[in-house]
Protein backbone atom coordinates (compact mmCIF):
# COMPACT_ATOMS: atom_id res chain seq x y z
CA MET A 1 -13.76 -2.01 11.07
CA ALA A 2 -13.50 1.68 11.63
CA ALA A 3 -11.09 4.51 11.31
CA THR A 4 -9.00 4.84 14.45
CA ARG A 5 -8.61 8.59 14.03
CA LYS A 6 -9.91 11.42 11.89
CA VAL A 7 -8.06 12.62 8.82
CA THR A 8 -6.42 15.97 9.53
CA GLU A 9 -6.79 19.14 7.48
CA ALA A 10 -3.05 18.92 6.72
CA GLU A 11 -3.52 15.39 5.31
CA VAL A 12 -6.43 16.57 3.17
CA ALA A 13 -4.27 19.44 1.86
CA THR A 14 -1.42 17.03 1.10
CA TYR A 15 -3.81 14.77 -0.81
CA GLU A 16 -5.22 17.70 -2.78
CA THR A 17 -1.71 18.90 -3.65
CA ASP A 18 0.09 15.60 -4.21
CA GLY A 19 -2.74 13.20 -5.07
CA VAL A 20 -1.61 10.79 -2.35
CA VAL A 21 -1.19 10.88 1.41
CA HIS A 22 0.12 8.47 4.04
CA LEU A 23 -2.59 7.99 6.68
CA LYS A 24 -0.45 6.32 9.35
CA GLY A 25 -2.57 4.94 12.17
CA ALA A 26 -5.85 5.86 10.47
CA PHE A 27 -7.16 2.28 10.18
CA ASP A 28 -7.27 -0.59 12.64
CA ALA A 29 -5.56 -3.93 12.04
CA SER A 30 -8.78 -5.72 11.03
CA TRP A 31 -9.43 -3.20 8.24
CA VAL A 32 -5.87 -3.49 6.95
CA GLU A 33 -6.10 -7.30 6.99
CA MET A 34 -9.43 -7.23 5.10
CA LEU A 35 -7.90 -4.96 2.48
CA ARG A 36 -4.80 -7.18 2.21
CA GLU A 37 -6.99 -10.26 1.66
CA ARG A 38 -9.08 -8.57 -1.02
CA VAL A 39 -6.04 -7.25 -2.86
CA GLU A 40 -4.54 -10.76 -2.88
CA HIS A 41 -7.82 -12.11 -4.27
CA VAL A 42 -7.95 -9.47 -7.03
CA MET A 43 -4.32 -10.09 -7.98
CA ALA A 44 -4.95 -13.85 -8.18
CA SER A 45 -8.13 -13.51 -10.29
CA PRO A 46 -8.33 -10.08 -11.91
CA GLY A 47 -11.17 -10.82 -14.32
CA LYS A 48 -11.83 -8.61 -17.33
CA LEU A 49 -11.64 -5.39 -15.25
CA GLY A 50 -8.10 -6.11 -14.05
CA HIS A 51 -5.09 -4.63 -15.79
CA ASP A 52 -1.39 -5.13 -15.10
CA LEU A 53 0.00 -1.69 -15.90
CA SER A 54 3.64 -2.53 -15.28
CA LYS A 55 6.13 -3.51 -17.90
CA SER A 56 8.09 -5.65 -15.42
CA GLY A 57 5.25 -7.89 -14.21
CA GLY A 58 2.94 -6.77 -11.46
CA ALA A 59 4.32 -3.72 -9.68
CA ILE A 60 1.35 -1.63 -10.79
CA PHE A 61 -2.13 -3.11 -10.98
CA PHE A 62 -5.56 -1.58 -11.51
CA ARG A 63 -9.05 -2.97 -10.99
CA TYR A 64 -12.22 -1.31 -9.85
CA VAL A 65 -13.09 -2.96 -6.54
CA SER A 66 -15.85 -2.30 -4.06
CA LEU A 67 -14.60 -2.57 -0.49
CA ALA A 68 -18.09 -2.78 0.98
CA SER A 69 -18.45 -5.24 3.83
CA LYS A 70 -19.31 -8.79 2.92
């Protein structure tokens, strides 16, 4: 699981300005799948560190998660 390309200076600047950036093509499919699986796990069993921040039921969710390899 590795980045498929380096983050550009323009993307860094966008992140610093906007607080978010779309890193299209920056991660391979195996990394995205691992992240998808871990997010599903956290949503299914949030524990005491999980918080549903939406008023409508799950659109916004927060939990501190380590994405270190298993």
